[in-house]
C-alpha cells in the first residue's frame, strides 16, 4: 500500500472519533459475534499488527461502493453508501453482518490514555484488503502491519504505511475467533471453514 499521514487528535475529539468507529470503544473484555439476522450475511475479518503504531486498534470502518442501497426502488431513490464499523479483539477486526456487494476499507482508529488517533487506508484503486462479496460466506481480507515511517510531533503529522504480512494466517485468526463465537451459528460455520483449510 502507499504511505499515509496520520494525526494525533486531542483527547476529547479523539474519543469521539474512536466511538464513531467502534460504538463501544470503552468496552472492557472481548467482543462476541452475534447471530446473523439475514441469510445473506457474511463474516468479514482480518488482522492489523499495531506494534509500531502510537496507539492500539479500537475500530475499523468499511464502505460499500455497490450496490448503493440494500433494496433500490422507486419509493427509495435516495443514494445511500452504507458504512460498516468493525468490532476489534486483540488486533483482529470483524463484522458478521456484511451484505453482498463491492467494498472499500476506509479508515481505522486507536487511542492512548491521552489522545486518539485516526488512520486512513489508501483511497485510490482497489487493494487486496477490499472485498467483493458475491455470496454469503466467511471472507478473510488478510493480515497487515502498521509500519511507522515518521513519528508525529506537536507540529507535524506522522507518516506510516500498511504492509501485508503472512502471519497470522487465515487459519490462525479463525482459531482465535472461535473464542468469540459463543453458541452462535458462527461457531459451526468457522469450524467448517477450518476443516476446509486443513484439506
N, C-alpha and C. Protein backbone atom coordinates (compact mmCIF):
# COMPACT_ATOMS: atom_id res chain seq x y z
N UNK A 1 0.85 -1.19 0.00
CA UNK A 1 0.00 0.00 0.00
C UNK A 1 0.89 1.25 0.00
N UNK A 2 0.29 2.42 0.02
CA UNK A 2 1.10 3.62 -0.09
C UNK A 2 1.20 4.34 1.24
N UNK A 3 2.23 5.19 1.31
CA UNK A 3 2.50 5.94 2.52
C UNK A 3 1.34 6.89 2.83
N UNK A 4 0.96 6.98 4.10
CA UNK A 4 -0.14 7.85 4.50
C UNK A 4 0.29 8.68 5.70
N UNK A 5 -0.44 9.76 5.95
CA UNK A 5 -0.22 10.58 7.12
C UNK A 5 -1.28 10.26 8.17
N UNK A 6 -0.93 10.48 9.43
CA UNK A 6 -1.93 10.33 10.47
C UNK A 6 -1.85 11.50 11.43
N UNK A 7 -2.92 11.73 12.12
CA UNK A 7 -2.98 12.83 13.06
C UNK A 7 -3.20 12.31 14.48
N UNK A 8 -2.52 12.96 15.39
CA UNK A 8 -2.80 12.76 16.81
C UNK A 8 -3.88 13.76 17.18
N UNK A 9 -4.99 13.25 17.69
CA UNK A 9 -6.15 14.10 17.96
C UNK A 9 -6.26 14.30 19.47
N UNK A 10 -6.74 15.46 19.89
CA UNK A 10 -6.89 15.72 21.31
C UNK A 10 -7.79 14.68 21.96
N UNK A 11 -7.67 14.54 23.25
CA UNK A 11 -8.39 13.50 23.98
C UNK A 11 -9.89 13.53 23.69
N UNK A 12 -10.51 14.70 23.75
CA UNK A 12 -11.96 14.76 23.62
C UNK A 12 -12.40 14.47 22.19
N UNK A 13 -11.73 15.05 21.21
CA UNK A 13 -12.06 14.76 19.83
C UNK A 13 -11.70 13.33 19.50
N UNK A 14 -10.56 12.87 20.03
CA UNK A 14 -10.12 11.50 19.75
C UNK A 14 -11.11 10.47 20.25
N UNK A 15 -11.64 10.67 21.43
CA UNK A 15 -12.62 9.73 21.96
C UNK A 15 -13.84 9.70 21.06
N UNK A 16 -14.24 10.88 20.53
CA UNK A 16 -15.39 10.92 19.64
C UNK A 16 -15.15 10.13 18.37
N UNK A 17 -13.95 10.26 17.82
CA UNK A 17 -13.61 9.52 16.60
C UNK A 17 -13.64 8.03 16.85
N UNK A 18 -13.05 7.60 17.95
CA UNK A 18 -12.99 6.17 18.24
C UNK A 18 -14.38 5.63 18.53
N UNK A 19 -15.18 6.40 19.23
CA UNK A 19 -16.56 5.96 19.48
C UNK A 19 -17.31 5.82 18.17
N UNK A 20 -17.07 6.72 17.24
CA UNK A 20 -17.73 6.62 15.94
C UNK A 20 -17.31 5.37 15.21
N UNK A 21 -16.03 5.03 15.32
CA UNK A 21 -15.52 3.85 14.63
C UNK A 21 -16.05 2.56 15.22
N UNK A 22 -16.19 2.51 16.52
CA UNK A 22 -16.50 1.23 17.15
C UNK A 22 -17.84 1.19 17.86
N UNK A 23 -18.31 2.33 18.31
CA UNK A 23 -19.53 2.47 19.12
C UNK A 23 -19.42 1.73 20.45
N UNK A 24 -18.22 1.21 20.75
CA UNK A 24 -18.04 0.54 22.04
C UNK A 24 -16.58 0.61 22.44
N UNK A 25 -15.97 1.79 22.25
CA UNK A 25 -14.54 1.93 22.49
C UNK A 25 -14.18 1.72 23.95
N UNK A 26 -15.12 2.00 24.85
CA UNK A 26 -14.82 1.89 26.27
C UNK A 26 -15.18 0.52 26.82
N UNK A 27 -15.58 -0.40 25.93
CA UNK A 27 -15.97 -1.74 26.35
C UNK A 27 -14.76 -2.49 26.87
N UNK A 28 -14.92 -3.17 27.98
CA UNK A 28 -13.82 -3.95 28.56
C UNK A 28 -14.08 -5.43 28.32
N UNK A 29 -13.07 -6.13 27.88
CA UNK A 29 -13.22 -7.55 27.60
C UNK A 29 -13.49 -7.79 26.14
N UNK A 30 -13.48 -9.04 25.71
CA UNK A 30 -13.67 -9.36 24.29
C UNK A 30 -15.08 -9.05 23.80
N UNK A 31 -15.20 -8.77 22.52
CA UNK A 31 -16.48 -8.55 21.87
C UNK A 31 -16.87 -9.84 21.16
N UNK A 32 -18.09 -10.28 21.36
CA UNK A 32 -18.54 -11.56 20.82
C UNK A 32 -19.36 -11.38 19.55
N UNK A 33 -19.25 -12.34 18.64
CA UNK A 33 -20.05 -12.33 17.43
C UNK A 33 -21.51 -12.57 17.78
N UNK A 34 -22.40 -11.97 16.99
CA UNK A 34 -23.82 -12.14 17.20
C UNK A 34 -24.41 -13.00 16.09
N UNK A 35 -25.58 -13.54 16.34
CA UNK A 35 -26.25 -14.38 15.34
C UNK A 35 -26.59 -13.55 14.11
N UNK A 36 -26.40 -14.11 12.91
CA UNK A 36 -26.83 -13.38 11.71
C UNK A 36 -28.35 -13.25 11.71
N UNK A 37 -28.83 -12.12 11.22
CA UNK A 37 -30.28 -11.89 11.17
C UNK A 37 -30.80 -12.01 9.74
N UNK A 38 -29.92 -12.37 8.82
CA UNK A 38 -30.28 -12.43 7.41
C UNK A 38 -29.47 -13.54 6.76
N UNK A 39 -30.08 -14.31 5.90
CA UNK A 39 -29.36 -15.41 5.25
C UNK A 39 -28.29 -14.91 4.30
N UNK A 40 -28.30 -13.62 3.98
CA UNK A 40 -27.28 -13.05 3.09
C UNK A 40 -26.04 -12.56 3.83
N UNK A 41 -26.06 -12.61 5.14
CA UNK A 41 -24.96 -12.05 5.91
C UNK A 41 -23.69 -12.88 5.78
N UNK A 42 -22.57 -12.18 5.62
CA UNK A 42 -21.24 -12.79 5.58
C UNK A 42 -20.41 -12.27 6.74
N UNK A 43 -19.42 -13.07 7.12
CA UNK A 43 -18.44 -12.66 8.12
C UNK A 43 -17.18 -12.20 7.39
N UNK A 44 -16.79 -10.95 7.59
CA UNK A 44 -15.58 -10.40 7.00
C UNK A 44 -14.61 -10.11 8.15
N UNK A 45 -13.37 -10.55 8.02
CA UNK A 45 -12.43 -10.38 9.12
C UNK A 45 -11.00 -10.24 8.62
N UNK A 46 -10.15 -9.72 9.48
CA UNK A 46 -8.74 -9.56 9.17
C UNK A 46 -7.97 -9.23 10.42
N UNK A 47 -6.72 -8.85 10.25
CA UNK A 47 -5.85 -8.58 11.40
C UNK A 47 -4.89 -7.44 11.07
N UNK A 48 -4.65 -6.55 12.04
CA UNK A 48 -3.66 -5.49 11.90
C UNK A 48 -2.72 -5.52 13.10
N UNK A 49 -1.44 -5.66 12.84
CA UNK A 49 -0.39 -5.59 13.87
C UNK A 49 -0.08 -4.13 14.11
N UNK A 50 -0.38 -3.64 15.32
CA UNK A 50 -0.19 -2.23 15.65
C UNK A 50 1.03 -1.99 16.55
N UNK A 51 1.95 -2.94 16.56
CA UNK A 51 3.10 -2.83 17.48
C UNK A 51 3.89 -1.54 17.27
N UNK A 52 4.04 -1.09 16.02
CA UNK A 52 4.80 0.13 15.75
C UNK A 52 3.96 1.39 15.79
N UNK A 53 2.67 1.24 15.96
CA UNK A 53 1.78 2.40 15.97
C UNK A 53 1.83 3.12 17.31
N UNK A 54 1.48 4.40 17.34
CA UNK A 54 1.44 5.12 18.61
C UNK A 54 0.21 4.79 19.45
N UNK A 55 -0.67 3.95 18.92
CA UNK A 55 -1.88 3.58 19.66
C UNK A 55 -2.22 2.13 19.40
N UNK A 56 -3.21 1.64 20.13
CA UNK A 56 -3.73 0.31 19.85
C UNK A 56 -4.78 0.42 18.74
N UNK A 57 -5.48 -0.67 18.47
CA UNK A 57 -6.54 -0.68 17.46
C UNK A 57 -7.89 -0.78 18.16
N UNK A 58 -8.74 0.20 17.91
CA UNK A 58 -10.07 0.22 18.52
C UNK A 58 -11.20 -0.01 17.53
N UNK A 59 -10.98 0.33 16.27
CA UNK A 59 -12.06 0.18 15.31
C UNK A 59 -11.58 0.29 13.88
N UNK A 60 -12.36 -0.28 12.97
CA UNK A 60 -12.08 -0.26 11.54
C UNK A 60 -13.39 0.04 10.81
N UNK A 61 -13.34 0.85 9.76
CA UNK A 61 -14.55 1.15 9.00
C UNK A 61 -14.38 0.75 7.55
N UNK A 62 -15.49 0.34 6.95
CA UNK A 62 -15.53 -0.09 5.55
C UNK A 62 -16.77 0.50 4.92
N UNK A 63 -16.67 0.91 3.66
CA UNK A 63 -17.81 1.49 2.95
C UNK A 63 -18.19 0.60 1.77
N UNK A 64 -19.49 0.44 1.56
CA UNK A 64 -19.95 -0.33 0.41
C UNK A 64 -20.09 0.59 -0.80
N UNK A 65 -19.40 0.24 -1.87
CA UNK A 65 -19.43 1.04 -3.08
C UNK A 65 -20.60 0.67 -3.99
N UNK A 66 -20.95 -0.62 -3.97
CA UNK A 66 -22.04 -1.10 -4.83
C UNK A 66 -22.61 -2.38 -4.22
N UNK A 67 -23.93 -2.56 -4.22
CA UNK A 67 -24.95 -1.59 -4.64
C UNK A 67 -25.03 -0.44 -3.65
N UNK A 68 -25.59 0.67 -4.08
CA UNK A 68 -25.63 1.86 -3.24
C UNK A 68 -26.74 1.79 -2.19
N UNK A 69 -27.72 0.94 -2.41
CA UNK A 69 -28.77 0.73 -1.42
C UNK A 69 -29.02 -0.75 -1.27
N UNK A 70 -29.56 -1.16 -0.14
CA UNK A 70 -29.88 -2.57 0.07
C UNK A 70 -30.99 -3.02 -0.87
N UNK A 71 -32.01 -2.22 -1.00
CA UNK A 71 -33.15 -2.58 -1.83
C UNK A 71 -33.59 -1.35 -2.63
N UNK A 72 -32.88 -1.03 -3.73
CA UNK A 72 -33.27 0.15 -4.51
C UNK A 72 -34.67 0.00 -5.09
N UNK A 73 -35.43 1.05 -5.04
CA UNK A 73 -36.80 1.02 -5.56
C UNK A 73 -37.24 2.44 -5.89
N UNK A 74 -38.37 2.55 -6.57
CA UNK A 74 -38.91 3.87 -6.89
C UNK A 74 -39.27 4.63 -5.63
N UNK A 75 -39.66 3.88 -4.60
CA UNK A 75 -40.05 4.51 -3.34
C UNK A 75 -38.83 4.96 -2.53
N UNK A 76 -37.65 4.38 -2.86
CA UNK A 76 -36.44 4.69 -2.10
C UNK A 76 -35.32 5.05 -3.07
N UNK A 77 -35.44 6.18 -3.78
CA UNK A 77 -34.45 6.55 -4.79
C UNK A 77 -33.18 7.16 -4.20
N UNK A 78 -33.21 7.46 -2.93
CA UNK A 78 -32.07 8.12 -2.30
C UNK A 78 -30.82 7.23 -2.38
N UNK A 79 -29.70 7.82 -2.79
CA UNK A 79 -28.44 7.08 -2.85
C UNK A 79 -27.84 7.02 -1.45
N UNK A 80 -27.56 5.82 -1.01
CA UNK A 80 -27.00 5.62 0.33
C UNK A 80 -25.73 4.79 0.20
N UNK A 81 -24.68 5.20 0.86
CA UNK A 81 -23.44 4.44 0.89
C UNK A 81 -23.29 3.86 2.30
N UNK A 82 -23.73 2.64 2.50
CA UNK A 82 -23.71 2.09 3.86
C UNK A 82 -22.28 1.93 4.39
N UNK A 83 -22.12 2.26 5.63
CA UNK A 83 -20.84 2.10 6.32
C UNK A 83 -20.92 0.90 7.25
N UNK A 84 -19.82 0.20 7.38
CA UNK A 84 -19.72 -0.92 8.31
C UNK A 84 -18.60 -0.60 9.31
N UNK A 85 -18.94 -0.66 10.59
CA UNK A 85 -17.98 -0.39 11.64
C UNK A 85 -17.65 -1.70 12.35
N UNK A 86 -16.40 -2.11 12.27
CA UNK A 86 -15.97 -3.43 12.71
C UNK A 86 -15.66 -3.48 14.19
N UNK A 87 -15.94 -4.63 14.78
CA UNK A 87 -15.51 -4.90 16.15
C UNK A 87 -14.05 -5.31 16.13
N UNK A 88 -13.37 -5.13 17.26
CA UNK A 88 -11.94 -5.44 17.35
C UNK A 88 -11.63 -6.20 18.63
N UNK A 89 -10.88 -7.28 18.49
CA UNK A 89 -10.33 -8.02 19.64
C UNK A 89 -8.86 -8.32 19.37
N UNK A 90 -7.96 -7.71 20.12
CA UNK A 90 -6.54 -8.05 20.03
C UNK A 90 -6.00 -7.99 18.61
N UNK A 91 -6.33 -6.94 17.89
CA UNK A 91 -5.82 -6.77 16.54
C UNK A 91 -6.68 -7.42 15.47
N UNK A 92 -7.58 -8.32 15.86
CA UNK A 92 -8.50 -8.96 14.92
C UNK A 92 -9.72 -8.06 14.74
N UNK A 93 -10.06 -7.72 13.50
CA UNK A 93 -11.27 -6.93 13.26
C UNK A 93 -12.26 -7.78 12.47
N UNK A 94 -13.54 -7.64 12.80
CA UNK A 94 -14.55 -8.48 12.15
C UNK A 94 -15.91 -7.80 12.12
N UNK A 95 -16.69 -8.19 11.12
CA UNK A 95 -18.08 -7.76 11.03
C UNK A 95 -18.88 -8.94 10.50
N UNK A 96 -19.91 -9.33 11.24
CA UNK A 96 -20.65 -10.55 10.91
C UNK A 96 -21.96 -10.30 10.18
N UNK A 97 -22.23 -9.05 9.76
CA UNK A 97 -23.49 -8.74 9.09
C UNK A 97 -23.27 -8.08 7.73
N UNK A 98 -22.27 -8.50 6.99
CA UNK A 98 -21.95 -7.85 5.72
C UNK A 98 -22.80 -8.41 4.59
N UNK A 99 -23.48 -7.52 3.90
CA UNK A 99 -24.33 -7.89 2.78
C UNK A 99 -23.49 -8.05 1.50
N UNK A 100 -24.00 -8.76 0.48
CA UNK A 100 -23.28 -8.85 -0.79
C UNK A 100 -23.02 -7.46 -1.38
N UNK A 101 -21.88 -7.30 -2.01
CA UNK A 101 -21.55 -6.02 -2.62
C UNK A 101 -20.06 -5.86 -2.83
N UNK A 102 -19.68 -4.70 -3.32
CA UNK A 102 -18.28 -4.34 -3.53
C UNK A 102 -17.91 -3.31 -2.47
N UNK A 103 -16.79 -3.53 -1.78
CA UNK A 103 -16.45 -2.72 -0.62
C UNK A 103 -15.05 -2.13 -0.72
N UNK A 104 -14.87 -1.07 0.06
CA UNK A 104 -13.54 -0.48 0.22
C UNK A 104 -13.32 -0.15 1.70
N UNK A 105 -12.20 -0.62 2.25
CA UNK A 105 -11.87 -0.26 3.62
C UNK A 105 -11.43 1.19 3.65
N UNK A 106 -11.97 1.94 4.60
CA UNK A 106 -11.79 3.39 4.62
C UNK A 106 -10.80 3.86 5.68
N UNK A 107 -11.01 3.48 6.93
CA UNK A 107 -10.16 4.02 7.99
C UNK A 107 -10.14 3.09 9.20
N UNK A 108 -9.21 3.36 10.09
CA UNK A 108 -9.15 2.65 11.36
C UNK A 108 -8.67 3.62 12.43
N UNK A 109 -8.91 3.29 13.67
CA UNK A 109 -8.60 4.22 14.74
C UNK A 109 -8.09 3.53 15.97
N UNK A 110 -7.44 4.30 16.80
CA UNK A 110 -6.91 3.78 18.05
C UNK A 110 -6.80 4.89 19.07
N UNK A 111 -6.34 4.56 20.25
CA UNK A 111 -6.24 5.57 21.29
C UNK A 111 -5.17 5.20 22.30
N UNK A 112 -4.71 6.21 23.00
CA UNK A 112 -3.84 6.03 24.15
C UNK A 112 -4.56 6.68 25.33
N UNK A 113 -3.90 6.74 26.46
CA UNK A 113 -4.52 7.35 27.63
C UNK A 113 -4.81 8.83 27.39
N UNK A 114 -3.95 9.49 26.58
CA UNK A 114 -4.07 10.93 26.44
C UNK A 114 -4.62 11.40 25.10
N UNK A 115 -4.69 10.52 24.10
CA UNK A 115 -5.07 11.02 22.77
C UNK A 115 -5.69 9.92 21.93
N UNK A 116 -6.42 10.34 20.90
CA UNK A 116 -6.97 9.43 19.92
C UNK A 116 -6.23 9.58 18.60
N UNK A 117 -6.22 8.53 17.79
CA UNK A 117 -5.53 8.55 16.51
C UNK A 117 -6.46 8.05 15.41
N UNK A 118 -6.38 8.71 14.27
CA UNK A 118 -7.21 8.34 13.12
C UNK A 118 -6.30 8.05 11.93
N UNK A 119 -6.45 6.87 11.35
CA UNK A 119 -5.61 6.46 10.22
C UNK A 119 -6.52 6.16 9.03
N UNK A 120 -5.99 6.36 7.83
CA UNK A 120 -6.77 6.10 6.62
C UNK A 120 -6.11 5.03 5.76
N UNK A 121 -6.95 4.20 5.14
CA UNK A 121 -6.46 3.30 4.12
C UNK A 121 -6.32 4.09 2.82
N UNK A 122 -5.46 3.65 1.90
CA UNK A 122 -5.36 4.35 0.61
C UNK A 122 -6.72 4.43 -0.07
N UNK A 123 -7.03 5.59 -0.61
CA UNK A 123 -8.36 5.83 -1.17
C UNK A 123 -8.47 5.47 -2.64
N UNK A 124 -7.35 5.43 -3.35
CA UNK A 124 -7.40 5.23 -4.78
C UNK A 124 -7.07 3.79 -5.17
N UNK A 125 -7.85 3.25 -6.09
CA UNK A 125 -7.56 1.90 -6.60
C UNK A 125 -8.03 0.82 -5.66
N UNK A 126 -8.26 -0.37 -6.21
CA UNK A 126 -8.69 -1.50 -5.41
C UNK A 126 -7.49 -2.18 -4.79
N UNK A 127 -7.55 -2.48 -3.51
CA UNK A 127 -6.45 -3.10 -2.79
C UNK A 127 -6.82 -4.53 -2.40
N UNK A 128 -5.81 -5.29 -1.99
CA UNK A 128 -6.04 -6.67 -1.58
C UNK A 128 -7.06 -6.76 -0.45
N UNK A 129 -7.08 -5.74 0.39
CA UNK A 129 -7.95 -5.79 1.57
C UNK A 129 -9.42 -5.54 1.20
N UNK A 130 -9.68 -4.96 0.05
CA UNK A 130 -11.05 -4.57 -0.31
C UNK A 130 -11.83 -5.77 -0.85
N UNK A 131 -12.84 -6.24 -0.13
CA UNK A 131 -13.55 -7.46 -0.54
C UNK A 131 -14.66 -7.23 -1.55
N UNK A 132 -14.92 -8.27 -2.33
CA UNK A 132 -16.09 -8.34 -3.18
C UNK A 132 -16.90 -9.54 -2.69
N UNK A 133 -18.07 -9.28 -2.13
CA UNK A 133 -18.90 -10.33 -1.55
C UNK A 133 -19.98 -10.71 -2.56
N UNK A 134 -19.84 -11.88 -3.17
CA UNK A 134 -20.81 -12.32 -4.17
C UNK A 134 -21.88 -13.22 -3.57
N UNK A 135 -21.50 -13.97 -2.54
CA UNK A 135 -22.47 -14.86 -1.89
C UNK A 135 -22.11 -14.99 -0.42
N UNK A 136 -23.06 -15.36 0.43
CA UNK A 136 -22.79 -15.45 1.86
C UNK A 136 -21.63 -16.41 2.16
N UNK A 137 -20.80 -16.03 3.10
CA UNK A 137 -19.67 -16.89 3.45
C UNK A 137 -18.79 -16.24 4.49
N UNK A 138 -17.57 -16.73 4.59
CA UNK A 138 -16.58 -16.22 5.52
C UNK A 138 -15.41 -15.71 4.69
N UNK A 139 -15.09 -14.42 4.82
CA UNK A 139 -14.11 -13.78 3.96
C UNK A 139 -12.96 -13.20 4.78
N UNK A 140 -11.76 -13.70 4.51
CA UNK A 140 -10.55 -13.19 5.16
C UNK A 140 -9.92 -12.16 4.25
N UNK A 141 -9.71 -10.93 4.76
CA UNK A 141 -9.15 -9.87 3.93
C UNK A 141 -7.65 -9.69 4.15
N UNK A 142 -7.07 -10.55 4.99
CA UNK A 142 -5.62 -10.55 5.14
C UNK A 142 -5.13 -10.03 6.48
N UNK A 143 -3.83 -10.23 6.70
CA UNK A 143 -3.14 -9.71 7.88
C UNK A 143 -2.21 -8.59 7.43
N UNK A 144 -2.14 -7.55 8.24
CA UNK A 144 -1.37 -6.36 7.87
C UNK A 144 -0.59 -5.84 9.07
N UNK A 145 0.45 -5.07 8.75
CA UNK A 145 1.28 -4.48 9.80
C UNK A 145 1.37 -2.98 9.61
N UNK A 146 1.13 -2.24 10.68
CA UNK A 146 1.32 -0.79 10.69
C UNK A 146 2.82 -0.54 10.77
N UNK A 147 3.35 0.11 9.75
CA UNK A 147 4.79 0.39 9.68
C UNK A 147 5.02 1.88 9.87
N UNK A 148 5.68 2.24 10.98
CA UNK A 148 5.96 3.64 11.25
C UNK A 148 7.09 4.14 10.35
N UNK A 149 6.86 5.26 9.68
CA UNK A 149 7.89 5.88 8.84
C UNK A 149 8.42 7.14 9.52
N UNK A 150 7.52 7.94 10.04
CA UNK A 150 7.91 9.17 10.71
C UNK A 150 6.94 9.43 11.85
N UNK A 151 7.45 9.56 13.05
CA UNK A 151 6.59 9.78 14.21
C UNK A 151 6.01 11.18 14.19
N UNK A 152 4.81 11.30 14.75
CA UNK A 152 4.16 12.59 14.81
C UNK A 152 4.77 13.46 15.89
N UNK A 153 4.70 14.76 15.68
CA UNK A 153 5.11 15.73 16.69
C UNK A 153 3.95 16.69 16.91
N UNK A 154 4.15 17.65 17.80
CA UNK A 154 3.09 18.61 18.08
C UNK A 154 2.77 19.45 16.85
N UNK A 155 3.76 19.59 15.94
CA UNK A 155 3.58 20.48 14.81
C UNK A 155 3.49 19.77 13.47
N UNK A 156 3.71 18.47 13.43
CA UNK A 156 3.72 17.75 12.17
C UNK A 156 2.90 16.47 12.26
N UNK A 157 2.36 16.05 11.12
CA UNK A 157 1.68 14.77 11.05
C UNK A 157 2.72 13.65 10.98
N UNK A 158 2.36 12.51 11.50
CA UNK A 158 3.21 11.35 11.36
C UNK A 158 2.98 10.69 10.01
N UNK A 159 3.89 9.81 9.60
CA UNK A 159 3.75 9.08 8.36
C UNK A 159 3.86 7.59 8.62
N UNK A 160 3.08 6.81 7.90
CA UNK A 160 3.07 5.37 8.11
C UNK A 160 2.71 4.66 6.81
N UNK A 161 2.87 3.36 6.81
CA UNK A 161 2.44 2.53 5.71
C UNK A 161 1.73 1.32 6.31
N UNK A 162 0.90 0.68 5.50
CA UNK A 162 0.23 -0.56 5.90
C UNK A 162 0.76 -1.67 5.00
N UNK A 163 1.48 -2.62 5.61
CA UNK A 163 2.16 -3.67 4.86
C UNK A 163 1.42 -5.00 5.04
N UNK A 164 1.19 -5.71 3.95
CA UNK A 164 0.58 -7.03 4.06
C UNK A 164 1.61 -8.02 4.56
N UNK A 165 1.21 -8.88 5.51
CA UNK A 165 2.11 -9.86 6.10
C UNK A 165 1.49 -11.25 6.01
N UNK A 166 2.30 -12.27 6.21
CA UNK A 166 1.84 -13.66 6.08
C UNK A 166 1.33 -14.26 7.39
N UNK A 167 1.65 -13.62 8.51
CA UNK A 167 1.24 -14.13 9.81
C UNK A 167 0.53 -13.04 10.60
N UNK A 168 -0.54 -13.38 11.30
CA UNK A 168 -1.15 -14.70 11.39
C UNK A 168 -1.90 -15.07 10.11
N UNK A 169 -2.00 -16.36 9.85
CA UNK A 169 -2.71 -16.86 8.68
C UNK A 169 -4.21 -16.82 8.91
N UNK A 170 -4.95 -17.07 7.84
CA UNK A 170 -6.41 -17.14 7.96
C UNK A 170 -6.81 -18.18 9.01
N UNK A 171 -6.16 -19.34 8.98
CA UNK A 171 -6.48 -20.40 9.94
C UNK A 171 -6.21 -19.95 11.36
N UNK A 172 -5.07 -19.31 11.57
CA UNK A 172 -4.70 -18.87 12.93
C UNK A 172 -5.67 -17.82 13.46
N UNK A 173 -6.10 -16.91 12.60
CA UNK A 173 -7.06 -15.89 13.04
C UNK A 173 -8.41 -16.53 13.35
N UNK A 174 -8.86 -17.46 12.50
CA UNK A 174 -10.14 -18.12 12.74
C UNK A 174 -10.11 -18.95 14.03
N UNK A 175 -9.01 -19.60 14.29
CA UNK A 175 -8.90 -20.38 15.53
C UNK A 175 -9.04 -19.47 16.75
N UNK A 176 -8.47 -18.28 16.66
CA UNK A 176 -8.62 -17.32 17.74
C UNK A 176 -10.05 -16.81 17.84
N UNK A 177 -10.70 -16.63 16.69
CA UNK A 177 -12.05 -16.10 16.69
C UNK A 177 -13.07 -17.07 17.28
N UNK A 178 -12.75 -18.35 17.32
CA UNK A 178 -13.65 -19.32 17.94
C UNK A 178 -13.94 -18.95 19.40
N UNK A 179 -12.99 -18.25 20.02
CA UNK A 179 -13.18 -17.82 21.40
C UNK A 179 -14.28 -16.77 21.52
N UNK A 180 -14.65 -16.13 20.41
CA UNK A 180 -15.60 -15.03 20.44
C UNK A 180 -16.96 -15.40 19.85
N UNK A 181 -17.17 -16.68 19.52
CA UNK A 181 -18.41 -17.06 18.85
C UNK A 181 -19.54 -17.42 19.80
N UNK A 182 -19.20 -17.78 21.05
CA UNK A 182 -20.24 -18.22 21.97
C UNK A 182 -20.97 -19.43 21.40
N UNK A 183 -22.29 -19.44 21.53
CA UNK A 183 -23.10 -20.54 20.99
C UNK A 183 -23.80 -20.16 19.69
N UNK A 184 -23.28 -19.17 18.98
CA UNK A 184 -23.92 -18.72 17.75
C UNK A 184 -23.61 -19.68 16.60
N UNK A 185 -24.32 -19.50 15.50
CA UNK A 185 -24.10 -20.32 14.31
C UNK A 185 -22.71 -20.11 13.74
N UNK A 186 -22.08 -18.98 14.08
CA UNK A 186 -20.73 -18.71 13.58
C UNK A 186 -19.73 -19.73 14.10
N UNK A 187 -19.97 -20.28 15.27
CA UNK A 187 -19.06 -21.30 15.79
C UNK A 187 -19.02 -22.50 14.86
N UNK A 188 -20.19 -22.94 14.41
CA UNK A 188 -20.27 -24.07 13.49
C UNK A 188 -19.67 -23.72 12.14
N UNK A 189 -19.98 -22.54 11.64
CA UNK A 189 -19.51 -22.15 10.31
C UNK A 189 -17.99 -21.97 10.30
N UNK A 190 -17.44 -21.40 11.36
CA UNK A 190 -15.99 -21.24 11.43
C UNK A 190 -15.31 -22.60 11.55
N UNK A 191 -15.91 -23.51 12.31
CA UNK A 191 -15.35 -24.86 12.46
C UNK A 191 -15.32 -25.57 11.10
N UNK A 192 -16.38 -25.40 10.31
CA UNK A 192 -16.41 -26.00 8.97
C UNK A 192 -15.34 -25.37 8.09
N UNK A 193 -15.19 -24.07 8.17
CA UNK A 193 -14.18 -23.37 7.38
C UNK A 193 -12.78 -23.85 7.75
N UNK A 194 -12.52 -24.07 9.02
CA UNK A 194 -11.21 -24.54 9.46
C UNK A 194 -10.90 -25.93 8.90
N UNK A 195 -11.93 -26.79 8.82
CA UNK A 195 -11.73 -28.10 8.24
C UNK A 195 -11.41 -28.00 6.76
N UNK A 196 -12.05 -27.04 6.07
CA UNK A 196 -11.77 -26.84 4.65
C UNK A 196 -10.33 -26.37 4.46
N UNK A 197 -9.84 -25.51 5.35
CA UNK A 197 -8.48 -25.00 5.23
C UNK A 197 -7.43 -26.08 5.50
N UNK A 198 -7.83 -27.13 6.22
CA UNK A 198 -6.91 -28.23 6.53
C UNK A 198 -6.77 -29.21 5.37
N UNK A 199 -7.64 -29.14 4.39
CA UNK A 199 -7.61 -30.10 3.29
C UNK A 199 -6.42 -29.83 2.35
